[in-house]
């Protein structure tokens, strides 16, 4: 899936991504990088609103899983079950969220369970960067449901 294809998908299916002006910098099965500007995500302190930062971090992790599952030819509904977000510094401009692939063993276990049960969960980390520095970190647990599984 190309960055343009992923961005088009996100804007069409997750309207918040369009409102936040999220763009896809990189879309590969091993890493997804999203970017978002300050203006539509600003708070009363002229920095990025924490909810916006968290949303972009979640979106990067979700996009990574979506990209990987699509590459495997597996249709699913992905949902976040829980997450922990930490903020290291204020973000005063355009920022990125980078989600990297889970380790190979965790991914293979996830796929094995998903194929067998039609449902599986996995943890993905997404790191926020601003001005060359780490600005935050999300650890999210996601659940993939097979298309025949109830939501």
N, C-alpha and C. Protein backbone atom coordinates (compact mmCIF):
# COMPACT_ATOMS: atom_id res chain seq x y z
N UNK A 1 0.85 -1.18 0.00
CA UNK A 1 0.00 0.00 0.00
C UNK A 1 0.90 1.24 0.00
N UNK A 2 0.64 2.13 -0.91
CA UNK A 2 1.45 3.34 -1.01
C UNK A 2 1.00 4.36 0.03
N UNK A 3 1.84 5.35 0.33
CA UNK A 3 1.42 6.41 1.25
C UNK A 3 0.15 7.11 0.78
N UNK A 4 0.04 7.37 -0.51
CA UNK A 4 -1.15 8.04 -1.04
C UNK A 4 -2.40 7.18 -0.86
N UNK A 5 -2.28 5.88 -1.12
CA UNK A 5 -3.43 4.97 -0.94
C UNK A 5 -3.87 4.93 0.52
N UNK A 6 -2.91 4.85 1.43
CA UNK A 6 -3.26 4.81 2.85
C UNK A 6 -3.90 6.12 3.28
N UNK A 7 -3.35 7.24 2.85
CA UNK A 7 -3.92 8.54 3.21
C UNK A 7 -5.35 8.69 2.69
N UNK A 8 -5.57 8.28 1.46
CA UNK A 8 -6.92 8.32 0.89
C UNK A 8 -7.87 7.45 1.71
N UNK A 9 -7.42 6.27 2.08
CA UNK A 9 -8.24 5.36 2.88
C UNK A 9 -8.58 5.99 4.24
N UNK A 10 -7.56 6.53 4.91
CA UNK A 10 -7.78 7.14 6.23
C UNK A 10 -8.77 8.30 6.14
N UNK A 11 -8.57 9.18 5.18
CA UNK A 11 -9.45 10.35 5.07
C UNK A 11 -10.89 9.95 4.74
N UNK A 12 -11.06 8.87 3.98
CA UNK A 12 -12.40 8.41 3.61
C UNK A 12 -13.09 7.65 4.74
N UNK A 13 -12.33 6.86 5.50
CA UNK A 13 -12.93 5.97 6.50
C UNK A 13 -12.78 6.45 7.94
N UNK A 14 -11.85 7.35 8.20
CA UNK A 14 -11.66 7.91 9.54
C UNK A 14 -11.63 9.43 9.36
N UNK A 15 -12.82 10.06 9.28
CA UNK A 15 -12.91 11.49 8.96
C UNK A 15 -12.08 12.40 9.87
N UNK A 16 -11.85 11.99 11.11
CA UNK A 16 -11.03 12.79 12.01
C UNK A 16 -9.63 13.00 11.43
N UNK A 17 -9.12 12.01 10.71
CA UNK A 17 -7.78 12.14 10.12
C UNK A 17 -7.74 13.27 9.10
N UNK A 18 -8.82 13.46 8.37
CA UNK A 18 -8.90 14.57 7.40
C UNK A 18 -8.98 15.90 8.14
N UNK A 19 -9.84 15.96 9.18
CA UNK A 19 -10.00 17.21 9.94
C UNK A 19 -8.70 17.63 10.61
N UNK A 20 -7.89 16.63 11.02
CA UNK A 20 -6.61 16.92 11.68
C UNK A 20 -5.50 17.15 10.66
N UNK A 21 -5.82 17.05 9.37
CA UNK A 21 -4.88 17.21 8.26
C UNK A 21 -3.69 16.26 8.35
N UNK A 22 -3.99 15.02 8.74
CA UNK A 22 -2.97 13.98 8.81
C UNK A 22 -2.53 13.61 7.40
N UNK A 23 -1.22 13.54 7.21
CA UNK A 23 -0.68 13.05 5.94
C UNK A 23 0.18 11.83 6.22
N UNK A 24 0.28 10.98 5.21
CA UNK A 24 1.09 9.77 5.33
C UNK A 24 2.44 10.03 4.69
N UNK A 25 3.47 9.97 5.48
CA UNK A 25 4.84 10.18 5.01
C UNK A 25 5.40 8.88 4.47
N UNK A 26 5.14 7.79 5.18
CA UNK A 26 5.65 6.47 4.80
C UNK A 26 4.61 5.42 5.17
N UNK A 27 4.42 4.46 4.28
CA UNK A 27 3.51 3.35 4.53
C UNK A 27 4.17 2.07 4.04
N UNK A 28 4.69 1.31 4.95
CA UNK A 28 5.34 0.04 4.62
C UNK A 28 4.95 -0.96 5.70
N UNK A 29 5.04 -2.25 5.41
CA UNK A 29 4.66 -3.24 6.42
C UNK A 29 5.52 -3.19 7.69
N UNK A 30 6.71 -2.61 7.61
CA UNK A 30 7.56 -2.56 8.80
C UNK A 30 7.51 -1.22 9.53
N UNK A 31 6.97 -0.18 8.89
CA UNK A 31 6.92 1.13 9.54
C UNK A 31 5.93 2.04 8.83
N UNK A 32 5.14 2.75 9.63
CA UNK A 32 4.24 3.77 9.11
C UNK A 32 4.59 5.08 9.81
N UNK A 33 4.71 6.14 9.02
CA UNK A 33 4.98 7.47 9.57
C UNK A 33 3.88 8.41 9.10
N UNK A 34 3.21 9.03 10.08
CA UNK A 34 2.18 10.03 9.79
C UNK A 34 2.69 11.39 10.25
N UNK A 35 2.15 12.44 9.64
CA UNK A 35 2.51 13.80 10.02
C UNK A 35 1.23 14.60 10.18
N UNK A 36 1.27 15.59 11.09
CA UNK A 36 0.12 16.47 11.28
C UNK A 36 0.63 17.86 11.65
N UNK A 37 -0.03 18.90 11.13
CA UNK A 37 0.38 20.27 11.43
C UNK A 37 -0.23 20.77 12.75
N UNK A 38 0.31 21.84 13.23
CA UNK A 38 -0.16 22.44 14.48
C UNK A 38 -1.57 23.03 14.35
N UNK A 39 -1.83 23.80 13.30
CA UNK A 39 -3.05 24.62 13.22
C UNK A 39 -4.36 23.90 13.56
N UNK A 40 -4.69 22.75 12.94
CA UNK A 40 -5.97 22.13 13.27
C UNK A 40 -5.95 21.33 14.57
N UNK A 41 -4.79 21.27 15.21
CA UNK A 41 -4.61 20.46 16.42
C UNK A 41 -4.18 21.28 17.62
N UNK A 42 -4.33 22.60 17.52
CA UNK A 42 -3.80 23.53 18.52
C UNK A 42 -4.64 23.58 19.79
N UNK A 43 -3.99 23.86 20.91
CA UNK A 43 -4.69 24.06 22.17
C UNK A 43 -4.55 25.52 22.61
N UNK A 44 -5.02 25.82 23.80
CA UNK A 44 -5.00 27.18 24.32
C UNK A 44 -3.60 27.69 24.65
N UNK A 45 -2.59 26.85 24.62
CA UNK A 45 -1.20 27.23 24.89
C UNK A 45 -0.36 27.30 23.62
N UNK A 46 -1.03 27.28 22.47
CA UNK A 46 -0.36 27.34 21.17
C UNK A 46 0.58 26.14 20.94
N UNK A 47 0.21 25.01 21.52
CA UNK A 47 0.90 23.74 21.26
C UNK A 47 -0.16 22.72 20.85
N UNK A 48 0.29 21.54 20.46
CA UNK A 48 -0.65 20.50 20.05
C UNK A 48 -1.45 20.01 21.24
N UNK A 49 -2.75 19.93 21.06
CA UNK A 49 -3.66 19.39 22.05
C UNK A 49 -3.30 17.92 22.31
N UNK A 50 -3.24 17.53 23.56
CA UNK A 50 -2.86 16.16 23.91
C UNK A 50 -3.72 15.11 23.25
N UNK A 51 -5.02 15.38 23.12
CA UNK A 51 -5.91 14.44 22.46
C UNK A 51 -5.57 14.26 20.99
N UNK A 52 -5.14 15.33 20.35
CA UNK A 52 -4.72 15.24 18.95
C UNK A 52 -3.45 14.42 18.82
N UNK A 53 -2.50 14.68 19.70
CA UNK A 53 -1.24 13.92 19.67
C UNK A 53 -1.51 12.44 19.87
N UNK A 54 -2.36 12.13 20.84
CA UNK A 54 -2.73 10.74 21.11
C UNK A 54 -3.44 10.13 19.91
N UNK A 55 -4.36 10.88 19.30
CA UNK A 55 -5.10 10.36 18.15
C UNK A 55 -4.17 10.04 16.99
N UNK A 56 -3.20 10.88 16.72
CA UNK A 56 -2.27 10.64 15.61
C UNK A 56 -1.38 9.43 15.94
N UNK A 57 -0.97 9.30 17.19
CA UNK A 57 -0.17 8.14 17.59
C UNK A 57 -0.97 6.84 17.43
N UNK A 58 -2.23 6.86 17.86
CA UNK A 58 -3.10 5.69 17.69
C UNK A 58 -3.29 5.39 16.21
N UNK A 59 -3.53 6.43 15.44
CA UNK A 59 -3.75 6.27 14.00
C UNK A 59 -2.53 5.66 13.31
N UNK A 60 -1.33 6.05 13.73
CA UNK A 60 -0.11 5.47 13.14
C UNK A 60 -0.02 3.98 13.46
N UNK A 61 -0.27 3.62 14.70
CA UNK A 61 -0.22 2.21 15.09
C UNK A 61 -1.30 1.41 14.37
N UNK A 62 -2.51 1.95 14.31
CA UNK A 62 -3.62 1.29 13.61
C UNK A 62 -3.26 1.11 12.14
N UNK A 63 -2.69 2.16 11.53
CA UNK A 63 -2.32 2.12 10.12
C UNK A 63 -1.27 1.06 9.84
N UNK A 64 -0.32 0.92 10.76
CA UNK A 64 0.70 -0.11 10.60
C UNK A 64 0.05 -1.50 10.54
N UNK A 65 -0.85 -1.77 11.48
CA UNK A 65 -1.52 -3.07 11.48
C UNK A 65 -2.38 -3.25 10.24
N UNK A 66 -3.10 -2.21 9.84
CA UNK A 66 -3.93 -2.26 8.64
C UNK A 66 -3.06 -2.59 7.42
N UNK A 67 -1.92 -1.94 7.31
CA UNK A 67 -1.01 -2.15 6.19
C UNK A 67 -0.46 -3.58 6.20
N UNK A 68 -0.06 -4.05 7.37
CA UNK A 68 0.51 -5.40 7.48
C UNK A 68 -0.54 -6.47 7.17
N UNK A 69 -1.73 -6.31 7.71
CA UNK A 69 -2.78 -7.30 7.46
C UNK A 69 -3.19 -7.30 5.99
N UNK A 70 -3.25 -6.11 5.39
CA UNK A 70 -3.57 -6.02 3.96
C UNK A 70 -2.50 -6.72 3.13
N UNK A 71 -1.23 -6.55 3.50
CA UNK A 71 -0.13 -7.20 2.78
C UNK A 71 -0.22 -8.72 2.90
N UNK A 72 -0.78 -9.21 4.00
CA UNK A 72 -0.97 -10.65 4.21
C UNK A 72 -2.24 -11.16 3.52
N UNK A 73 -3.04 -10.25 2.96
CA UNK A 73 -4.29 -10.63 2.31
C UNK A 73 -5.39 -10.96 3.30
N UNK A 74 -5.29 -10.43 4.52
CA UNK A 74 -6.27 -10.73 5.57
C UNK A 74 -7.19 -9.55 5.81
N UNK A 75 -8.48 -9.76 5.59
CA UNK A 75 -9.48 -8.73 5.86
C UNK A 75 -9.83 -8.78 7.34
N UNK A 76 -9.90 -7.63 7.98
CA UNK A 76 -10.22 -7.59 9.40
C UNK A 76 -10.81 -6.24 9.76
N UNK A 77 -11.36 -6.19 10.95
CA UNK A 77 -11.77 -4.93 11.57
C UNK A 77 -10.82 -4.74 12.74
N UNK A 78 -10.10 -3.65 12.74
CA UNK A 78 -9.13 -3.36 13.79
C UNK A 78 -9.70 -2.35 14.77
N UNK A 79 -9.57 -2.65 16.04
CA UNK A 79 -10.00 -1.71 17.07
C UNK A 79 -8.92 -1.63 18.15
N UNK A 80 -8.86 -0.48 18.79
CA UNK A 80 -7.93 -0.35 19.91
C UNK A 80 -8.67 -0.77 21.17
N UNK A 81 -8.00 -1.56 21.99
CA UNK A 81 -8.62 -2.04 23.22
C UNK A 81 -8.18 -1.18 24.41
N UNK A 82 -6.90 -0.84 24.44
CA UNK A 82 -6.40 0.02 25.52
C UNK A 82 -5.08 0.62 25.08
N UNK A 83 -4.72 1.73 25.74
CA UNK A 83 -3.42 2.33 25.42
C UNK A 83 -2.90 3.12 26.60
N UNK A 84 -1.61 3.34 26.56
CA UNK A 84 -0.92 4.20 27.51
C UNK A 84 -0.16 5.23 26.69
N UNK A 85 -0.35 6.50 27.04
CA UNK A 85 0.30 7.58 26.30
C UNK A 85 1.14 8.38 27.28
N UNK A 86 2.37 8.65 26.91
CA UNK A 86 3.21 9.53 27.73
C UNK A 86 3.69 10.68 26.85
N UNK A 87 3.76 11.85 27.45
CA UNK A 87 4.16 13.07 26.73
C UNK A 87 5.46 13.56 27.33
N UNK A 88 6.47 13.76 26.48
CA UNK A 88 7.78 14.16 26.97
C UNK A 88 8.05 15.65 26.87
N UNK A 89 7.39 16.31 25.94
CA UNK A 89 7.60 17.74 25.76
C UNK A 89 6.44 18.32 24.95
N UNK A 90 6.20 19.63 25.08
CA UNK A 90 5.17 20.26 24.26
C UNK A 90 5.55 20.19 22.78
N UNK A 91 4.54 20.14 21.95
CA UNK A 91 4.74 20.10 20.50
C UNK A 91 4.20 21.42 19.94
N UNK A 92 5.10 22.23 19.38
CA UNK A 92 4.72 23.58 18.94
C UNK A 92 4.72 23.74 17.43
N UNK A 93 4.56 22.66 16.70
CA UNK A 93 4.55 22.74 15.24
C UNK A 93 4.19 21.39 14.65
N UNK A 94 4.49 21.23 13.37
CA UNK A 94 4.22 19.97 12.69
C UNK A 94 4.99 18.85 13.38
N UNK A 95 4.31 17.72 13.57
CA UNK A 95 4.93 16.60 14.27
C UNK A 95 4.64 15.31 13.51
N UNK A 96 5.38 14.25 13.86
CA UNK A 96 5.17 12.95 13.25
C UNK A 96 4.88 11.91 14.32
N UNK A 97 4.24 10.84 13.87
CA UNK A 97 4.03 9.65 14.69
C UNK A 97 4.55 8.48 13.88
N UNK A 98 5.47 7.73 14.46
CA UNK A 98 6.09 6.59 13.78
C UNK A 98 5.74 5.31 14.53
N UNK A 99 5.11 4.39 13.83
CA UNK A 99 4.79 3.08 14.39
C UNK A 99 5.64 2.05 13.69
N UNK A 100 6.36 1.28 14.49
CA UNK A 100 7.23 0.24 13.94
C UNK A 100 6.61 -1.13 14.17
N UNK A 101 6.93 -2.05 13.29
CA UNK A 101 6.38 -3.40 13.37
C UNK A 101 6.77 -4.06 14.69
N UNK A 102 5.84 -4.83 15.24
CA UNK A 102 6.19 -5.62 16.43
C UNK A 102 7.26 -6.65 16.06
N UNK A 103 7.91 -7.23 17.06
CA UNK A 103 8.94 -8.22 16.76
C UNK A 103 8.32 -9.42 16.03
N UNK A 104 9.16 -10.11 15.29
CA UNK A 104 8.69 -11.18 14.40
C UNK A 104 7.93 -12.26 15.15
N UNK A 105 8.38 -12.62 16.32
CA UNK A 105 7.70 -13.68 17.09
C UNK A 105 6.29 -13.25 17.50
N UNK A 106 6.15 -12.01 17.98
CA UNK A 106 4.82 -11.51 18.37
C UNK A 106 3.90 -11.46 17.15
N UNK A 107 4.42 -11.03 16.00
CA UNK A 107 3.61 -10.95 14.79
C UNK A 107 3.15 -12.34 14.34
N UNK A 108 4.07 -13.31 14.35
CA UNK A 108 3.70 -14.67 13.93
C UNK A 108 2.66 -15.27 14.86
N UNK A 109 2.80 -15.04 16.15
CA UNK A 109 1.82 -15.52 17.12
C UNK A 109 0.45 -14.86 16.87
N UNK A 110 0.46 -13.56 16.62
CA UNK A 110 -0.77 -12.82 16.32
C UNK A 110 -1.46 -13.41 15.09
N UNK A 111 -0.70 -13.62 14.01
CA UNK A 111 -1.28 -14.18 12.79
C UNK A 111 -1.82 -15.59 13.02
N UNK A 112 -1.08 -16.40 13.76
CA UNK A 112 -1.50 -17.78 14.03
C UNK A 112 -2.85 -17.79 14.76
N UNK A 113 -2.97 -16.96 15.79
CA UNK A 113 -4.22 -16.89 16.55
C UNK A 113 -5.34 -16.33 15.68
N UNK A 114 -5.05 -15.28 14.92
CA UNK A 114 -6.08 -14.67 14.07
C UNK A 114 -6.61 -15.68 13.05
N UNK A 115 -5.71 -16.41 12.42
CA UNK A 115 -6.14 -17.39 11.41
C UNK A 115 -6.93 -18.54 12.04
N UNK A 116 -6.57 -18.92 13.25
CA UNK A 116 -7.23 -20.03 13.91
C UNK A 116 -8.57 -19.64 14.53
N UNK A 117 -8.60 -18.47 15.21
CA UNK A 117 -9.79 -18.09 15.97
C UNK A 117 -10.60 -16.96 15.34
N UNK A 118 -10.03 -16.28 14.35
CA UNK A 118 -10.73 -15.16 13.74
C UNK A 118 -10.69 -13.91 14.61
N UNK A 119 -9.82 -13.93 15.63
CA UNK A 119 -9.67 -12.78 16.52
C UNK A 119 -8.31 -12.91 17.19
N UNK A 120 -7.59 -11.77 17.29
CA UNK A 120 -6.29 -11.79 17.95
C UNK A 120 -5.95 -10.38 18.42
N UNK A 121 -5.06 -10.31 19.42
CA UNK A 121 -4.63 -8.99 19.90
C UNK A 121 -3.12 -8.90 19.88
N UNK A 122 -2.67 -7.64 19.71
CA UNK A 122 -1.23 -7.39 19.63
C UNK A 122 -0.96 -5.97 20.12
N UNK A 123 0.23 -5.77 20.65
CA UNK A 123 0.66 -4.46 21.13
C UNK A 123 1.56 -3.81 20.09
N UNK A 124 1.30 -2.52 19.84
CA UNK A 124 2.11 -1.74 18.89
C UNK A 124 2.52 -0.44 19.58
N UNK A 125 3.75 -0.03 19.35
CA UNK A 125 4.28 1.22 19.89
C UNK A 125 4.33 2.26 18.79
N UNK A 126 3.97 3.49 19.15
CA UNK A 126 4.03 4.62 18.23
C UNK A 126 4.76 5.75 18.96
N UNK A 127 5.74 6.35 18.29
CA UNK A 127 6.55 7.40 18.91
C UNK A 127 6.30 8.73 18.19
N UNK A 128 6.03 9.77 18.98
CA UNK A 128 5.84 11.11 18.44
C UNK A 128 7.18 11.83 18.40
N UNK A 129 7.42 12.55 17.30
CA UNK A 129 8.64 13.36 17.18
C UNK A 129 8.27 14.79 16.81
N UNK A 130 9.01 15.72 17.40
CA UNK A 130 8.87 17.13 17.08
C UNK A 130 10.25 17.77 17.16
N UNK A 131 10.62 18.51 16.15
CA UNK A 131 11.90 19.24 16.11
C UNK A 131 13.08 18.31 16.42
N UNK A 132 13.04 17.11 15.85
CA UNK A 132 14.14 16.18 16.00
C UNK A 132 14.21 15.47 17.35
N UNK A 133 13.23 15.67 18.19
CA UNK A 133 13.23 15.07 19.53
C UNK A 133 12.01 14.18 19.72
N UNK A 134 12.13 13.19 20.59
CA UNK A 134 10.98 12.39 20.96
C UNK A 134 10.08 13.26 21.84
N UNK A 135 8.82 13.36 21.44
CA UNK A 135 7.86 14.21 22.16
C UNK A 135 6.80 13.40 22.90
N UNK A 136 6.71 12.10 22.59
CA UNK A 136 5.72 11.28 23.26
C UNK A 136 5.81 9.84 22.78
N UNK A 137 5.11 8.97 23.53
CA UNK A 137 5.15 7.54 23.20
C UNK A 137 3.82 6.90 23.57
N UNK A 138 3.28 6.16 22.64
CA UNK A 138 2.04 5.42 22.87
C UNK A 138 2.32 3.93 22.80
N UNK A 139 1.76 3.20 23.72
CA UNK A 139 1.76 1.74 23.64
C UNK A 139 0.30 1.34 23.59
N UNK A 140 -0.11 0.76 22.48
CA UNK A 140 -1.51 0.42 22.29
C UNK A 140 -1.73 -1.05 22.06
N UNK A 141 -2.77 -1.58 22.67
CA UNK A 141 -3.16 -2.97 22.43
C UNK A 141 -4.35 -2.95 21.48
N UNK A 142 -4.18 -3.60 20.35
CA UNK A 142 -5.19 -3.63 19.30
C UNK A 142 -5.76 -5.03 19.15
N UNK A 143 -7.01 -5.08 18.75
CA UNK A 143 -7.67 -6.35 18.48
C UNK A 143 -8.08 -6.36 17.01
N UNK A 144 -7.73 -7.45 16.34
CA UNK A 144 -8.18 -7.66 14.96
C UNK A 144 -9.28 -8.70 15.01
N UNK A 145 -10.40 -8.35 14.40
CA UNK A 145 -11.55 -9.24 14.33
C UNK A 145 -11.75 -9.66 12.88
N UNK A 146 -11.94 -10.94 12.66
CA UNK A 146 -12.25 -11.42 11.32
C UNK A 146 -13.58 -10.83 10.89
N UNK A 147 -13.79 -10.75 9.62
CA UNK A 147 -15.00 -10.11 9.10
C UNK A 147 -16.27 -10.85 9.51
N UNK A 148 -16.16 -12.12 9.91
CA UNK A 148 -17.33 -12.87 10.34
C UNK A 148 -17.52 -12.84 11.87
N UNK A 149 -16.65 -12.13 12.57
CA UNK A 149 -16.76 -12.01 14.03
C UNK A 149 -17.64 -10.83 14.41
N UNK A 150 -18.49 -10.98 15.44
CA UNK A 150 -19.29 -9.82 15.88
C UNK A 150 -18.38 -8.76 16.50
N UNK A 151 -18.74 -7.52 16.28
CA UNK A 151 -17.93 -6.40 16.81
C UNK A 151 -18.13 -6.23 18.30
